[in-house]
Amino acid sequence: MELMVVTLILGFLFSLLFIAPRFIKSDETKKVHSDANKTVKAYNKDEVSLHNKRTDCWIIIKEKVYDVTPYVEEHPGGDAILAHAGDDSTEGFFGPQHATRVFDMIDDFYIGDLEK
């Protein structure tokens, strides 16, 4: 009897290895589709320029707008991030001082596109 219960439990756990990835994948697919349906906000340069302080810092990188306010105090380059607060930071962002991980991090601060 005990052997049968253990076998059933192991069988159930083993089947989860095949079933669970299907559920996880479908949830990830839903997330990708829901992100694709988000409306992207557009900002003009005048709007971005208002956010030029340590406590309210937006930057433009390649025609995209980022609110980096939460990152200002953590920035390894100190106040260098404030040099172009409220303005285009593309040149500084792609400078040699940045490690490649910064390219992945910046997406977390994306808030919209720059109006053309």
Protein backbone atom coordinates (compact mmCIF):
# COMPACT_ATOMS: atom_id res chain seq x y z
CA MET A 1 0.00 0.00 0.00
CA GLU A 2 2.76 2.43 0.95
CA LEU A 3 4.62 1.60 -2.22
CA MET A 4 1.54 2.44 -4.25
CA VAL A 5 1.12 5.84 -2.54
CA VAL A 6 4.80 6.70 -3.05
CA THR A 7 4.53 5.65 -6.71
CA LEU A 8 1.47 7.83 -7.23
CA ILE A 9 3.14 10.84 -5.59
CA LEU A 10 6.31 10.39 -7.64
CA GLY A 11 4.23 9.98 -10.80
CA PHE A 12 2.36 13.18 -10.02
CA LEU A 13 5.56 15.13 -9.38
CA PHE A 14 7.15 13.73 -12.52
CA SER A 15 4.14 14.75 -14.62
CA LEU A 16 4.47 18.31 -13.30
CA LEU A 17 7.84 18.53 -15.02
CA PHE A 18 6.04 18.25 -18.35
CA ILE A 19 2.87 20.16 -17.58
CA ALA A 20 4.21 23.16 -15.61
CA PRO A 21 6.43 24.56 -18.42
CA ARG A 22 3.37 24.81 -20.66
CA PHE A 23 1.56 26.97 -18.12
CA ILE A 24 4.62 29.14 -17.48
CA LYS A 25 5.19 29.64 -21.19
CA SER A 26 1.57 30.63 -21.78
CA ASP A 27 1.80 33.22 -18.98
CA GLU A 28 4.98 34.67 -20.49
CA THR A 29 3.29 34.85 -23.89
CA LYS A 30 0.37 36.74 -22.36
CA LYS A 31 2.77 39.19 -20.73
CA VAL A 32 4.55 39.86 -24.03
CA HIS A 33 1.24 40.46 -25.76
CA SER A 34 -0.03 42.75 -23.02
CA ASP A 35 3.22 44.79 -23.16
CA ALA A 36 2.83 45.11 -26.92
CA ASN A 37 -0.63 46.64 -26.45
CA LYS A 38 0.56 49.41 -24.13
CA THR A 39 0.21 52.93 -25.42
CA VAL A 40 3.52 54.77 -25.62
CA LYS A 41 3.44 58.31 -24.26
CA ALA A 42 5.16 61.00 -26.31
CA TYR A 43 6.93 63.98 -24.74
CA ASN A 44 8.30 67.10 -26.35
CA LYS A 45 11.67 68.61 -25.46
CA ASP A 46 10.03 71.40 -23.45
CA GLU A 47 8.26 68.87 -21.21
CA VAL A 48 11.46 66.89 -20.68
CA SER A 49 13.47 70.04 -19.91
CA LEU A 50 11.28 70.72 -16.84
CA HIS A 51 12.65 67.56 -15.21
CA ASN A 52 16.21 68.74 -14.64
CA LYS A 53 16.85 68.27 -10.92
CA ARG A 54 18.29 65.60 -8.67
CA THR A 55 14.79 64.93 -7.29
CA ASP A 56 13.15 64.96 -10.74
CA CYS A 57 15.54 63.82 -13.47
CA TRP A 58 14.52 62.82 -16.98
CA ILE A 59 16.92 62.22 -19.84
CA ILE A 60 16.65 61.55 -23.56
CA ILE A 61 18.60 58.72 -25.16
CA LYS A 62 18.14 58.07 -28.87
CA GLU A 63 14.74 59.76 -29.04
CA LYS A 64 13.42 57.86 -25.99
CA VAL A 65 12.59 59.46 -22.64
CA TYR A 66 13.70 57.96 -19.34
CA ASP A 67 12.85 58.99 -15.77
CA VAL A 68 16.11 58.18 -14.00
CA THR A 69 15.21 59.98 -10.76
CA PRO A 70 15.40 56.79 -8.64
CA TYR A 71 18.86 56.07 -10.04
CA VAL A 72 20.50 59.49 -9.55
CA GLU A 73 21.80 58.71 -6.05
CA GLU A 74 23.04 55.27 -7.12
CA HIS A 75 24.83 56.48 -10.26
CA PRO A 76 28.46 55.31 -10.03
CA GLY A 77 29.61 58.48 -11.81
CA GLY A 78 28.09 60.68 -9.12
CA ASP A 79 26.50 63.88 -10.34
CA ALA A 80 27.64 63.30 -13.93
CA ILE A 81 24.16 62.00 -14.64
CA LEU A 82 22.82 65.48 -13.84
CA ALA A 83 24.97 67.16 -16.51
CA HIS A 84 22.25 66.53 -19.09
CA ALA A 85 19.20 66.27 -16.83
CA GLY A 86 16.15 67.35 -18.79
CA ASP A 87 18.13 67.12 -22.02
CA ASP A 88 19.66 64.70 -24.51
CA SER A 89 22.14 62.32 -22.85
CA THR A 90 22.74 60.06 -25.83
CA GLU A 91 26.41 60.95 -26.29
CA GLY A 92 27.28 60.54 -22.61
CA PHE A 93 25.26 57.36 -22.28
CA PHE A 94 27.18 55.64 -25.06
CA GLY A 95 30.55 56.85 -23.76
CA PRO A 96 33.37 54.49 -22.83
CA GLN A 97 32.74 54.89 -19.09
CA HIS A 98 29.60 52.74 -19.16
CA ALA A 99 29.70 48.97 -18.81
CA THR A 100 27.48 46.96 -21.13
CA ARG A 101 25.02 46.20 -18.30
CA VAL A 102 23.83 49.82 -18.43
CA PHE A 103 22.16 49.05 -21.77
CA ASP A 104 19.94 46.48 -20.06
CA MET A 105 19.28 48.64 -16.98
CA ILE A 106 18.02 51.69 -18.86
CA ASP A 107 14.86 49.94 -20.05
CA ASP A 108 13.58 49.91 -16.46
CA PHE A 109 13.38 53.72 -16.55
CA TYR A 110 11.70 54.12 -19.96
CA ILE A 111 8.58 56.30 -19.85
CA GLY A 112 7.97 57.24 -23.49
CA ASP A 113 9.27 58.57 -26.77
CA LEU A 114 10.40 62.02 -27.80
CA GLU A 115 7.96 63.75 -30.14
CA LYS A 116 9.31 64.20 -33.61
